[in-house]
């Protein structure tokens, strides 16, 4: 998973819907 400075995210297909990336 990847999270950009603006908050948008991308995920590997194998983890979509199960994993969530977030940042503070």
PDBML (XML) file of the C-alpha atoms, coordinates in Angstrom:
<?xml version="1.0" encoding="UTF-8" ?>
<PDBx:datablock datablockName="MODEL"
   xmlns:PDBx="http://pdbml.pdb.org/schema/pdbx-v50.xsd"
   xmlns:xsi="http://www.w3.org/2001/XMLSchema-instance"
   xsi:schemaLocation="http://pdbml.pdb.org/schema/pdbx-v50.xsd pdbx-v50.xsd">
   <PDBx:atom_siteCategory>
      <PDBx:atom_site id="1">
         <PDBx:B_iso_or_equiv>0.00</PDBx:B_iso_or_equiv>
         <PDBx:Cartn_x>0.000</PDBx:Cartn_x>
         <PDBx:Cartn_y>0.000</PDBx:Cartn_y>
         <PDBx:Cartn_z>0.000</PDBx:Cartn_z>
         <PDBx:auth_asym_id>A</PDBx:auth_asym_id>
         <PDBx:auth_atom_id>CA</PDBx:auth_atom_id>
         <PDBx:auth_comp_id>UNK</PDBx:auth_comp_id>
         <PDBx:auth_seq_id>1</PDBx:auth_seq_id>
         <PDBx:group_PDB>ATOM</PDBx:group_PDB>
         <PDBx:label_alt_id xsi:nil="true" />
         <PDBx:label_asym_id>A</PDBx:label_asym_id>
         <PDBx:label_atom_id>CA</PDBx:label_atom_id>
         <PDBx:label_comp_id>UNK</PDBx:label_comp_id>
         <PDBx:label_entity_id>1</PDBx:label_entity_id>
         <PDBx:label_seq_id>1</PDBx:label_seq_id>
         <PDBx:occupancy>1.00</PDBx:occupancy>
         <PDBx:pdbx_PDB_model_num>1</PDBx:pdbx_PDB_model_num>
         <PDBx:type_symbol>C</PDBx:type_symbol>
      </PDBx:atom_site>
      <PDBx:atom_site id="2">
         <PDBx:B_iso_or_equiv>0.00</PDBx:B_iso_or_equiv>
         <PDBx:Cartn_x>1.050</PDBx:Cartn_x>
         <PDBx:Cartn_y>3.570</PDBx:Cartn_y>
         <PDBx:Cartn_z>-0.633</PDBx:Cartn_z>
         <PDBx:auth_asym_id>A</PDBx:auth_asym_id>
         <PDBx:auth_atom_id>CA</PDBx:auth_atom_id>
         <PDBx:auth_comp_id>UNK</PDBx:auth_comp_id>
         <PDBx:auth_seq_id>2</PDBx:auth_seq_id>
         <PDBx:group_PDB>ATOM</PDBx:group_PDB>
         <PDBx:label_alt_id xsi:nil="true" />
         <PDBx:label_asym_id>A</PDBx:label_asym_id>
         <PDBx:label_atom_id>CA</PDBx:label_atom_id>
         <PDBx:label_comp_id>UNK</PDBx:label_comp_id>
         <PDBx:label_entity_id>1</PDBx:label_entity_id>
         <PDBx:label_seq_id>2</PDBx:label_seq_id>
         <PDBx:occupancy>1.00</PDBx:occupancy>
         <PDBx:pdbx_PDB_model_num>1</PDBx:pdbx_PDB_model_num>
         <PDBx:type_symbol>C</PDBx:type_symbol>
      </PDBx:atom_site>
      <PDBx:atom_site id="3">
         <PDBx:B_iso_or_equiv>0.00</PDBx:B_iso_or_equiv>
         <PDBx:Cartn_x>-0.198</PDBx:Cartn_x>
         <PDBx:Cartn_y>6.888</PDBx:Cartn_y>
         <PDBx:Cartn_z>0.655</PDBx:Cartn_z>
         <PDBx:auth_asym_id>A</PDBx:auth_asym_id>
         <PDBx:auth_atom_id>CA</PDBx:auth_atom_id>
         <PDBx:auth_comp_id>UNK</PDBx:auth_comp_id>
         <PDBx:auth_seq_id>3</PDBx:auth_seq_id>
         <PDBx:group_PDB>ATOM</PDBx:group_PDB>
         <PDBx:label_alt_id xsi:nil="true" />
         <PDBx:label_asym_id>A</PDBx:label_asym_id>
         <PDBx:label_atom_id>CA</PDBx:label_atom_id>
         <PDBx:label_comp_id>UNK</PDBx:label_comp_id>
         <PDBx:label_entity_id>1</PDBx:label_entity_id>
         <PDBx:label_seq_id>3</PDBx:label_seq_id>
         <PDBx:occupancy>1.00</PDBx:occupancy>
         <PDBx:pdbx_PDB_model_num>1</PDBx:pdbx_PDB_model_num>
         <PDBx:type_symbol>C</PDBx:type_symbol>
      </PDBx:atom_site>
      <PDBx:atom_site id="4">
         <PDBx:B_iso_or_equiv>0.00</PDBx:B_iso_or_equiv>
         <PDBx:Cartn_x>0.622</PDBx:Cartn_x>
         <PDBx:Cartn_y>10.211</PDBx:Cartn_y>
         <PDBx:Cartn_z>-0.971</PDBx:Cartn_z>
         <PDBx:auth_asym_id>A</PDBx:auth_asym_id>
         <PDBx:auth_atom_id>CA</PDBx:auth_atom_id>
         <PDBx:auth_comp_id>UNK</PDBx:auth_comp_id>
         <PDBx:auth_seq_id>4</PDBx:auth_seq_id>
         <PDBx:group_PDB>ATOM</PDBx:group_PDB>
         <PDBx:label_alt_id xsi:nil="true" />
         <PDBx:label_asym_id>A</PDBx:label_asym_id>
         <PDBx:label_atom_id>CA</PDBx:label_atom_id>
         <PDBx:label_comp_id>UNK</PDBx:label_comp_id>
         <PDBx:label_entity_id>1</PDBx:label_entity_id>
         <PDBx:label_seq_id>4</PDBx:label_seq_id>
         <PDBx:occupancy>1.00</PDBx:occupancy>
         <PDBx:pdbx_PDB_model_num>1</PDBx:pdbx_PDB_model_num>
         <PDBx:type_symbol>C</PDBx:type_symbol>
      </PDBx:atom_site>
      <PDBx:atom_site id="5">
         <PDBx:B_iso_or_equiv>0.00</PDBx:B_iso_or_equiv>
         <PDBx:Cartn_x>1.074</PDBx:Cartn_x>
         <PDBx:Cartn_y>13.528</PDBx:Cartn_y>
         <PDBx:Cartn_z>0.782</PDBx:Cartn_z>
         <PDBx:auth_asym_id>A</PDBx:auth_asym_id>
         <PDBx:auth_atom_id>CA</PDBx:auth_atom_id>
         <PDBx:auth_comp_id>UNK</PDBx:auth_comp_id>
         <PDBx:auth_seq_id>5</PDBx:auth_seq_id>
         <PDBx:group_PDB>ATOM</PDBx:group_PDB>
         <PDBx:label_alt_id xsi:nil="true" />
         <PDBx:label_asym_id>A</PDBx:label_asym_id>
         <PDBx:label_atom_id>CA</PDBx:label_atom_id>
         <PDBx:label_comp_id>UNK</PDBx:label_comp_id>
         <PDBx:label_entity_id>1</PDBx:label_entity_id>
         <PDBx:label_seq_id>5</PDBx:label_seq_id>
         <PDBx:occupancy>1.00</PDBx:occupancy>
         <PDBx:pdbx_PDB_model_num>1</PDBx:pdbx_PDB_model_num>
         <PDBx:type_symbol>C</PDBx:type_symbol>
      </PDBx:atom_site>
      <PDBx:atom_site id="6">
         <PDBx:B_iso_or_equiv>0.00</PDBx:B_iso_or_equiv>
         <PDBx:Cartn_x>-2.436</PDBx:Cartn_x>
         <PDBx:Cartn_y>14.601</PDBx:Cartn_y>
         <PDBx:Cartn_z>-0.126</PDBx:Cartn_z>
         <PDBx:auth_asym_id>A</PDBx:auth_asym_id>
         <PDBx:auth_atom_id>CA</PDBx:auth_atom_id>
         <PDBx:auth_comp_id>UNK</PDBx:auth_comp_id>
         <PDBx:auth_seq_id>6</PDBx:auth_seq_id>
         <PDBx:group_PDB>ATOM</PDBx:group_PDB>
         <PDBx:label_alt_id xsi:nil="true" />
         <PDBx:label_asym_id>A</PDBx:label_asym_id>
         <PDBx:label_atom_id>CA</PDBx:label_atom_id>
         <PDBx:label_comp_id>UNK</PDBx:label_comp_id>
         <PDBx:label_entity_id>1</PDBx:label_entity_id>
         <PDBx:label_seq_id>6</PDBx:label_seq_id>
         <PDBx:occupancy>1.00</PDBx:occupancy>
         <PDBx:pdbx_PDB_model_num>1</PDBx:pdbx_PDB_model_num>
         <PDBx:type_symbol>C</PDBx:type_symbol>
      </PDBx:atom_site>
      <PDBx:atom_site id="7">
         <PDBx:B_iso_or_equiv>0.00</PDBx:B_iso_or_equiv>
         <PDBx:Cartn_x>-3.908</PDBx:Cartn_x>
         <PDBx:Cartn_y>11.460</PDBx:Cartn_y>
         <PDBx:Cartn_z>1.385</PDBx:Cartn_z>
         <PDBx:auth_asym_id>A</PDBx:auth_asym_id>
         <PDBx:auth_atom_id>CA</PDBx:auth_atom_id>
         <PDBx:auth_comp_id>UNK</PDBx:auth_comp_id>
         <PDBx:auth_seq_id>7</PDBx:auth_seq_id>
         <PDBx:group_PDB>ATOM</PDBx:group_PDB>
         <PDBx:label_alt_id xsi:nil="true" />
         <PDBx:label_asym_id>A</PDBx:label_asym_id>
         <PDBx:label_atom_id>CA</PDBx:label_atom_id>
         <PDBx:label_comp_id>UNK</PDBx:label_comp_id>
         <PDBx:label_entity_id>1</PDBx:label_entity_id>
         <PDBx:label_seq_id>7</PDBx:label_seq_id>
         <PDBx:occupancy>1.00</PDBx:occupancy>
         <PDBx:pdbx_PDB_model_num>1</PDBx:pdbx_PDB_model_num>
         <PDBx:type_symbol>C</PDBx:type_symbol>
      </PDBx:atom_site>
      <PDBx:atom_site id="8">
         <PDBx:B_iso_or_equiv>0.00</PDBx:B_iso_or_equiv>
         <PDBx:Cartn_x>-4.711</PDBx:Cartn_x>
         <PDBx:Cartn_y>9.475</PDBx:Cartn_y>
         <PDBx:Cartn_z>-1.740</PDBx:Cartn_z>
         <PDBx:auth_asym_id>A</PDBx:auth_asym_id>
         <PDBx:auth_atom_id>CA</PDBx:auth_atom_id>
         <PDBx:auth_comp_id>UNK</PDBx:auth_comp_id>
         <PDBx:auth_seq_id>8</PDBx:auth_seq_id>
         <PDBx:group_PDB>ATOM</PDBx:group_PDB>
         <PDBx:label_alt_id xsi:nil="true" />
         <PDBx:label_asym_id>A</PDBx:label_asym_id>
         <PDBx:label_atom_id>CA</PDBx:label_atom_id>
         <PDBx:label_comp_id>UNK</PDBx:label_comp_id>
         <PDBx:label_entity_id>1</PDBx:label_entity_id>
         <PDBx:label_seq_id>8</PDBx:label_seq_id>
         <PDBx:occupancy>1.00</PDBx:occupancy>
         <PDBx:pdbx_PDB_model_num>1</PDBx:pdbx_PDB_model_num>
         <PDBx:type_symbol>C</PDBx:type_symbol>
      </PDBx:atom_site>
      <PDBx:atom_site id="9">
         <PDBx:B_iso_or_equiv>0.00</PDBx:B_iso_or_equiv>
         <PDBx:Cartn_x>-3.898</PDBx:Cartn_x>
         <PDBx:Cartn_y>5.784</PDBx:Cartn_y>
         <PDBx:Cartn_z>-1.542</PDBx:Cartn_z>
         <PDBx:auth_asym_id>A</PDBx:auth_asym_id>
         <PDBx:auth_atom_id>CA</PDBx:auth_atom_id>
         <PDBx:auth_comp_id>UNK</PDBx:auth_comp_id>
         <PDBx:auth_seq_id>9</PDBx:auth_seq_id>
         <PDBx:group_PDB>ATOM</PDBx:group_PDB>
         <PDBx:label_alt_id xsi:nil="true" />
         <PDBx:label_asym_id>A</PDBx:label_asym_id>
         <PDBx:label_atom_id>CA</PDBx:label_atom_id>
         <PDBx:label_comp_id>UNK</PDBx:label_comp_id>
         <PDBx:label_entity_id>1</PDBx:label_entity_id>
         <PDBx:label_seq_id>9</PDBx:label_seq_id>
         <PDBx:occupancy>1.00</PDBx:occupancy>
         <PDBx:pdbx_PDB_model_num>1</PDBx:pdbx_PDB_model_num>
         <PDBx:type_symbol>C</PDBx:type_symbol>
      </PDBx:atom_site>
      <PDBx:atom_site id="10">
         <PDBx:B_iso_or_equiv>0.00</PDBx:B_iso_or_equiv>
         <PDBx:Cartn_x>-3.147</PDBx:Cartn_x>
         <PDBx:Cartn_y>2.767</PDBx:Cartn_y>
         <PDBx:Cartn_z>-3.696</PDBx:Cartn_z>
         <PDBx:auth_asym_id>A</PDBx:auth_asym_id>
         <PDBx:auth_atom_id>CA</PDBx:auth_atom_id>
         <PDBx:auth_comp_id>UNK</PDBx:auth_comp_id>
         <PDBx:auth_seq_id>10</PDBx:auth_seq_id>
         <PDBx:group_PDB>ATOM</PDBx:group_PDB>
         <PDBx:label_alt_id xsi:nil="true" />
         <PDBx:label_asym_id>A</PDBx:label_asym_id>
         <PDBx:label_atom_id>CA</PDBx:label_atom_id>
         <PDBx:label_comp_id>UNK</PDBx:label_comp_id>
         <PDBx:label_entity_id>1</PDBx:label_entity_id>
         <PDBx:label_seq_id>10</PDBx:label_seq_id>
         <PDBx:occupancy>1.00</PDBx:occupancy>
         <PDBx:pdbx_PDB_model_num>1</PDBx:pdbx_PDB_model_num>
         <PDBx:type_symbol>C</PDBx:type_symbol>
      </PDBx:atom_site>
      <PDBx:atom_site id="11">
         <PDBx:B_iso_or_equiv>0.00</PDBx:B_iso_or_equiv>
         <PDBx:Cartn_x>-3.240</PDBx:Cartn_x>
         <PDBx:Cartn_y>-0.910</PDBx:Cartn_y>
         <PDBx:Cartn_z>-2.773</PDBx:Cartn_z>
         <PDBx:auth_asym_id>A</PDBx:auth_asym_id>
         <PDBx:auth_atom_id>CA</PDBx:auth_atom_id>
         <PDBx:auth_comp_id>UNK</PDBx:auth_comp_id>
         <PDBx:auth_seq_id>11</PDBx:auth_seq_id>
         <PDBx:group_PDB>ATOM</PDBx:group_PDB>
         <PDBx:label_alt_id xsi:nil="true" />
         <PDBx:label_asym_id>A</PDBx:label_asym_id>
         <PDBx:label_atom_id>CA</PDBx:label_atom_id>
         <PDBx:label_comp_id>UNK</PDBx:label_comp_id>
         <PDBx:label_entity_id>1</PDBx:label_entity_id>
         <PDBx:label_seq_id>11</PDBx:label_seq_id>
         <PDBx:occupancy>1.00</PDBx:occupancy>
         <PDBx:pdbx_PDB_model_num>1</PDBx:pdbx_PDB_model_num>
         <PDBx:type_symbol>C</PDBx:type_symbol>
      </PDBx:atom_site>
      <PDBx:atom_site id="12">
         <PDBx:B_iso_or_equiv>0.00</PDBx:B_iso_or_equiv>
         <PDBx:Cartn_x>-2.059</PDBx:Cartn_x>
         <PDBx:Cartn_y>-4.201</PDBx:Cartn_y>
         <PDBx:Cartn_z>-4.148</PDBx:Cartn_z>
         <PDBx:auth_asym_id>A</PDBx:auth_asym_id>
         <PDBx:auth_atom_id>CA</PDBx:auth_atom_id>
         <PDBx:auth_comp_id>UNK</PDBx:auth_comp_id>
         <PDBx:auth_seq_id>12</PDBx:auth_seq_id>
         <PDBx:group_PDB>ATOM</PDBx:group_PDB>
         <PDBx:label_alt_id xsi:nil="true" />
         <PDBx:label_asym_id>A</PDBx:label_asym_id>
         <PDBx:label_atom_id>CA</PDBx:label_atom_id>
         <PDBx:label_comp_id>UNK</PDBx:label_comp_id>
         <PDBx:label_entity_id>1</PDBx:label_entity_id>
         <PDBx:label_seq_id>12</PDBx:label_seq_id>
         <PDBx:occupancy>1.00</PDBx:occupancy>
         <PDBx:pdbx_PDB_model_num>1</PDBx:pdbx_PDB_model_num>
         <PDBx:type_symbol>C</PDBx:type_symbol>
      </PDBx:atom_site>
      <PDBx:atom_site id="13">
         <PDBx:B_iso_or_equiv>0.00</PDBx:B_iso_or_equiv>
         <PDBx:Cartn_x>-4.977</PDBx:Cartn_x>
         <PDBx:Cartn_y>-6.179</PDBx:Cartn_y>
         <PDBx:Cartn_z>-5.550</PDBx:Cartn_z>
         <PDBx:auth_asym_id>A</PDBx:auth_asym_id>
         <PDBx:auth_atom_id>CA</PDBx:auth_atom_id>
         <PDBx:auth_comp_id>UNK</PDBx:auth_comp_id>
         <PDBx:auth_seq_id>13</PDBx:auth_seq_id>
         <PDBx:group_PDB>ATOM</PDBx:group_PDB>
         <PDBx:label_alt_id xsi:nil="true" />
         <PDBx:label_asym_id>A</PDBx:label_asym_id>
         <PDBx:label_atom_id>CA</PDBx:label_atom_id>
         <PDBx:label_comp_id>UNK</PDBx:label_comp_id>
         <PDBx:label_entity_id>1</PDBx:label_entity_id>
         <PDBx:label_seq_id>13</PDBx:label_seq_id>
         <PDBx:occupancy>1.00</PDBx:occupancy>
         <PDBx:pdbx_PDB_model_num>1</PDBx:pdbx_PDB_model_num>
         <PDBx:type_symbol>C</PDBx:type_symbol>
      </PDBx:atom_site>
      <PDBx:atom_site id="14">
         <PDBx:B_iso_or_equiv>0.00</PDBx:B_iso_or_equiv>
         <PDBx:Cartn_x>-4.315</PDBx:Cartn_x>
         <PDBx:Cartn_y>-8.949</PDBx:Cartn_y>
         <PDBx:Cartn_z>-3.041</PDBx:Cartn_z>
         <PDBx:auth_asym_id>A</PDBx:auth_asym_id>
         <PDBx:auth_atom_id>CA</PDBx:auth_atom_id>
         <PDBx:auth_comp_id>UNK</PDBx:auth_comp_id>
         <PDBx:auth_seq_id>14</PDBx:auth_seq_id>
         <PDBx:group_PDB>ATOM</PDBx:group_PDB>
         <PDBx:label_alt_id xsi:nil="true" />
         <PDBx:label_asym_id>A</PDBx:label_asym_id>
         <PDBx:label_atom_id>CA</PDBx:label_atom_id>
         <PDBx:label_comp_id>UNK</PDBx:label_comp_id>
         <PDBx:label_entity_id>1</PDBx:label_entity_id>
         <PDBx:label_seq_id>14</PDBx:label_seq_id>
         <PDBx:occupancy>1.00</PDBx:occupancy>
         <PDBx:pdbx_PDB_model_num>1</PDBx:pdbx_PDB_model_num>
         <PDBx:type_symbol>C</PDBx:type_symbol>
      </PDBx:atom_site>
      <PDBx:atom_site id="15">
         <PDBx:B_iso_or_equiv>0.00</PDBx:B_iso_or_equiv>
         <PDBx:Cartn_x>-5.077</PDBx:Cartn_x>
         <PDBx:Cartn_y>-6.674</PDBx:Cartn_y>
         <PDBx:Cartn_z>-0.058</PDBx:Cartn_z>
         <PDBx:auth_asym_id>A</PDBx:auth_asym_id>
         <PDBx:auth_atom_id>CA</PDBx:auth_atom_id>
         <PDBx:auth_comp_id>UNK</PDBx:auth_comp_id>
         <PDBx:auth_seq_id>15</PDBx:auth_seq_id>
         <PDBx:group_PDB>ATOM</PDBx:group_PDB>
         <PDBx:label_alt_id xsi:nil="true" />
         <PDBx:label_asym_id>A</PDBx:label_asym_id>
         <PDBx:label_atom_id>CA</PDBx:label_atom_id>
         <PDBx:label_comp_id>UNK</PDBx:label_comp_id>
         <PDBx:label_entity_id>1</PDBx:label_entity_id>
         <PDBx:label_seq_id>15</PDBx:label_seq_id>
         <PDBx:occupancy>1.00</PDBx:occupancy>
         <PDBx:pdbx_PDB_model_num>1</PDBx:pdbx_PDB_model_num>
         <PDBx:type_symbol>C</PDBx:type_symbol>
      </PDBx:atom_site>
      <PDBx:atom_site id="16">
         <PDBx:B_iso_or_equiv>0.00</PDBx:B_iso_or_equiv>
         <PDBx:Cartn_x>-7.794</PDBx:Cartn_x>
         <PDBx:Cartn_y>-4.374</PDBx:Cartn_y>
         <PDBx:Cartn_z>-1.419</PDBx:Cartn_z>
         <PDBx:auth_asym_id>A</PDBx:auth_asym_id>
         <PDBx:auth_atom_id>CA</PDBx:auth_atom_id>
         <PDBx:auth_comp_id>UNK</PDBx:auth_comp_id>
         <PDBx:auth_seq_id>16</PDBx:auth_seq_id>
         <PDBx:group_PDB>ATOM</PDBx:group_PDB>
         <PDBx:label_alt_id xsi:nil="true" />
         <PDBx:label_asym_id>A</PDBx:label_asym_id>
         <PDBx:label_atom_id>CA</PDBx:label_atom_id>
         <PDBx:label_comp_id>UNK</PDBx:label_comp_id>
         <PDBx:label_entity_id>1</PDBx:label_entity_id>
         <PDBx:label_seq_id>16</PDBx:label_seq_id>
         <PDBx:occupancy>1.00</PDBx:occupancy>
         <PDBx:pdbx_PDB_model_num>1</PDBx:pdbx_PDB_model_num>
         <PDBx:type_symbol>C</PDBx:type_symbol>
      </PDBx:atom_site>
      <PDBx:atom_site id="17">
         <PDBx:B_iso_or_equiv>0.00</PDBx:B_iso_or_equiv>
         <PDBx:Cartn_x>-10.786</PDBx:Cartn_x>
         <PDBx:Cartn_y>-4.273</PDBx:Cartn_y>
         <PDBx:Cartn_z>0.869</PDBx:Cartn_z>
         <PDBx:auth_asym_id>A</PDBx:auth_asym_id>
         <PDBx:auth_atom_id>CA</PDBx:auth_atom_id>
         <PDBx:auth_comp_id>UNK</PDBx:auth_comp_id>
         <PDBx:auth_seq_id>17</PDBx:auth_seq_id>
         <PDBx:group_PDB>ATOM</PDBx:group_PDB>
         <PDBx:label_alt_id xsi:nil="true" />
         <PDBx:label_asym_id>A</PDBx:label_asym_id>
         <PDBx:label_atom_id>CA</PDBx:label_atom_id>
         <PDBx:label_comp_id>UNK</PDBx:label_comp_id>
         <PDBx:label_entity_id>1</PDBx:label_entity_id>
         <PDBx:label_seq_id>17</PDBx:label_seq_id>
         <PDBx:occupancy>1.00</PDBx:occupancy>
         <PDBx:pdbx_PDB_model_num>1</PDBx:pdbx_PDB_model_num>
         <PDBx:type_symbol>C</PDBx:type_symbol>
      </PDBx:atom_site>
      <PDBx:atom_site id="18">
         <PDBx:B_iso_or_equiv>0.00</PDBx:B_iso_or_equiv>
         <PDBx:Cartn_x>-8.834</PDBx:Cartn_x>
         <PDBx:Cartn_y>-5.842</PDBx:Cartn_y>
         <PDBx:Cartn_z>3.746</PDBx:Cartn_z>
         <PDBx:auth_asym_id>A</PDBx:auth_asym_id>
         <PDBx:auth_atom_id>CA</PDBx:auth_atom_id>
         <PDBx:auth_comp_id>UNK</PDBx:auth_comp_id>
         <PDBx:auth_seq_id>18</PDBx:auth_seq_id>
         <PDBx:group_PDB>ATOM</PDBx:group_PDB>
         <PDBx:label_alt_id xsi:nil="true" />
         <PDBx:label_asym_id>A</PDBx:label_asym_id>
         <PDBx:label_atom_id>CA</PDBx:label_atom_id>
         <PDBx:label_comp_id>UNK</PDBx:label_comp_id>
         <PDBx:label_entity_id>1</PDBx:label_entity_id>
         <PDBx:label_seq_id>18</PDBx:label_seq_id>
         <PDBx:occupancy>1.00</PDBx:occupancy>
         <PDBx:pdbx_PDB_model_num>1</PDBx:pdbx_PDB_model_num>
         <PDBx:type_symbol>C</PDBx:type_symbol>
      </PDBx:atom_site>
      <PDBx:atom_site id="19">
         <PDBx:B_iso_or_equiv>0.00</PDBx:B_iso_or_equiv>
         <PDBx:Cartn_x>-5.955</PDBx:Cartn_x>
         <PDBx:Cartn_y>-3.433</PDBx:Cartn_y>
         <PDBx:Cartn_z>4.439</PDBx:Cartn_z>
         <PDBx:auth_asym_id>A</PDBx:auth_asym_id>
         <PDBx:auth_atom_id>CA</PDBx:auth_atom_id>
         <PDBx:auth_comp_id>UNK</PDBx:auth_comp_id>
         <PDBx:auth_seq_id>19</PDBx:auth_seq_id>
         <PDBx:group_PDB>ATOM</PDBx:group_PDB>
         <PDBx:label_alt_id xsi:nil="true" />
         <PDBx:label_asym_id>A</PDBx:label_asym_id>
         <PDBx:label_atom_id>CA</PDBx:label_atom_id>
         <PDBx:label_comp_id>UNK</PDBx:label_comp_id>
         <PDBx:label_entity_id>1</PDBx:label_entity_id>
         <PDBx:label_seq_id>19</PDBx:label_seq_id>
         <PDBx:occupancy>1.00</PDBx:occupancy>
         <PDBx:pdbx_PDB_model_num>1</PDBx:pdbx_PDB_model_num>
         <PDBx:type_symbol>C</PDBx:type_symbol>
      </PDBx:atom_site>
      <PDBx:atom_site id="20">
         <PDBx:B_iso_or_equiv>0.00</PDBx:B_iso_or_equiv>
         <PDBx:Cartn_x>-6.107</PDBx:Cartn_x>
         <PDBx:Cartn_y>0.302</PDBx:Cartn_y>
         <PDBx:Cartn_z>5.073</PDBx:Cartn_z>
         <PDBx:auth_asym_id>A</PDBx:auth_asym_id>
         <PDBx:auth_atom_id>CA</PDBx:auth_atom_id>
         <PDBx:auth_comp_id>UNK</PDBx:auth_comp_id>
         <PDBx:auth_seq_id>20</PDBx:auth_seq_id>
         <PDBx:group_PDB>ATOM</PDBx:group_PDB>
         <PDBx:label_alt_id xsi:nil="true" />
         <PDBx:label_asym_id>A</PDBx:label_asym_id>
         <PDBx:label_atom_id>CA</PDBx:label_atom_id>
         <PDBx:label_comp_id>UNK</PDBx:label_comp_id>
         <PDBx:label_entity_id>1</PDBx:label_entity_id>
         <PDBx:label_seq_id>20</PDBx:label_seq_id>
         <PDBx:occupancy>1.00</PDBx:occupancy>
         <PDBx:pdbx_PDB_model_num>1</PDBx:pdbx_PDB_model_num>
         <PDBx:type_symbol>C</PDBx:type_symbol>
      </PDBx:atom_site>
      <PDBx:atom_site id="21">
         <PDBx:B_iso_or_equiv>0.00</PDBx:B_iso_or_equiv>
         <PDBx:Cartn_x>-3.142</PDBx:Cartn_x>
         <PDBx:Cartn_y>2.662</PDBx:Cartn_y>
         <PDBx:Cartn_z>5.045</PDBx:Cartn_z>
         <PDBx:auth_asym_id>A</PDBx:auth_asym_id>
         <PDBx:auth_atom_id>CA</PDBx:auth_atom_id>
         <PDBx:auth_comp_id>UNK</PDBx:auth_comp_id>
         <PDBx:auth_seq_id>21</PDBx:auth_seq_id>
         <PDBx:group_PDB>ATOM</PDBx:group_PDB>
         <PDBx:label_alt_id xsi:nil="true" />
         <PDBx:label_asym_id>A</PDBx:label_asym_id>
         <PDBx:label_atom_id>CA</PDBx:label_atom_id>
         <PDBx:label_comp_id>UNK</PDBx:label_comp_id>
         <PDBx:label_entity_id>1</PDBx:label_entity_id>
         <PDBx:label_seq_id>21</PDBx:label_seq_id>
         <PDBx:occupancy>1.00</PDBx:occupancy>
         <PDBx:pdbx_PDB_model_num>1</PDBx:pdbx_PDB_model_num>
         <PDBx:type_symbol>C</PDBx:type_symbol>
      </PDBx:atom_site>
      <PDBx:atom_site id="22">
         <PDBx:B_iso_or_equiv>0.00</PDBx:B_iso_or_equiv>
         <PDBx:Cartn_x>-3.301</PDBx:Cartn_x>
         <PDBx:Cartn_y>5.956</PDBx:Cartn_y>
         <PDBx:Cartn_z>6.912</PDBx:Cartn_z>
         <PDBx:auth_asym_id>A</PDBx:auth_asym_id>
         <PDBx:auth_atom_id>CA</PDBx:auth_atom_id>
         <PDBx:auth_comp_id>UNK</PDBx:auth_comp_id>
         <PDBx:auth_seq_id>22</PDBx:auth_seq_id>
         <PDBx:group_PDB>ATOM</PDBx:group_PDB>
         <PDBx:label_alt_id xsi:nil="true" />
         <PDBx:label_asym_id>A</PDBx:label_asym_id>
         <PDBx:label_atom_id>CA</PDBx:label_atom_id>
         <PDBx:label_comp_id>UNK</PDBx:label_comp_id>
         <PDBx:label_entity_id>1</PDBx:label_entity_id>
         <PDBx:label_seq_id>22</PDBx:label_seq_id>
         <PDBx:occupancy>1.00</PDBx:occupancy>
         <PDBx:pdbx_PDB_model_num>1</PDBx:pdbx_PDB_model_num>
         <PDBx:type_symbol>C</PDBx:type_symbol>
      </PDBx:atom_site>
      <PDBx:atom_site id="23">
         <PDBx:B_iso_or_equiv>0.00</PDBx:B_iso_or_equiv>
         <PDBx:Cartn_x>-0.920</PDBx:Cartn_x>
         <PDBx:Cartn_y>8.658</PDBx:Cartn_y>
         <PDBx:Cartn_z>8.035</PDBx:Cartn_z>
         <PDBx:auth_asym_id>A</PDBx:auth_asym_id>
         <PDBx:auth_atom_id>CA</PDBx:auth_atom_id>
         <PDBx:auth_comp_id>UNK</PDBx:auth_comp_id>
         <PDBx:auth_seq_id>23</PDBx:auth_seq_id>
         <PDBx:group_PDB>ATOM</PDBx:group_PDB>
         <PDBx:label_alt_id xsi:nil="true" />
         <PDBx:label_asym_id>A</PDBx:label_asym_id>
         <PDBx:label_atom_id>CA</PDBx:label_atom_id>
         <PDBx:label_comp_id>UNK</PDBx:label_comp_id>
         <PDBx:label_entity_id>1</PDBx:label_entity_id>
         <PDBx:label_seq_id>23</PDBx:label_seq_id>
         <PDBx:occupancy>1.00</PDBx:occupancy>
         <PDBx:pdbx_PDB_model_num>1</PDBx:pdbx_PDB_model_num>
         <PDBx:type_symbol>C</PDBx:type_symbol>
      </PDBx:atom_site>
      <PDBx:atom_site id="24">
         <PDBx:B_iso_or_equiv>0.00</PDBx:B_iso_or_equiv>
         <PDBx:Cartn_x>-0.620</PDBx:Cartn_x>
         <PDBx:Cartn_y>11.286</PDBx:Cartn_y>
         <PDBx:Cartn_z>10.728</PDBx:Cartn_z>
         <PDBx:auth_asym_id>A</PDBx:auth_asym_id>
         <PDBx:auth_atom_id>CA</PDBx:auth_atom_id>
         <PDBx:auth_comp_id>UNK</PDBx:auth_comp_id>
         <PDBx:auth_seq_id>24</PDBx:auth_seq_id>
         <PDBx:group_PDB>ATOM</PDBx:group_PDB>
         <PDBx:label_alt_id xsi:nil="true" />
         <PDBx:label_asym_id>A</PDBx:label_asym_id>
         <PDBx:label_atom_id>CA</PDBx:label_atom_id>
         <PDBx:label_comp_id>UNK</PDBx:label_comp_id>
         <PDBx:label_entity_id>1</PDBx:label_entity_id>
         <PDBx:label_seq_id>24</PDBx:label_seq_id>
         <PDBx:occupancy>1.00</PDBx:occupancy>
         <PDBx:pdbx_PDB_model_num>1</PDBx:pdbx_PDB_model_num>
         <PDBx:type_symbol>C</PDBx:type_symbol>
      </PDBx:atom_site>
   </PDBx:atom_siteCategory>
</PDBx:datablock>
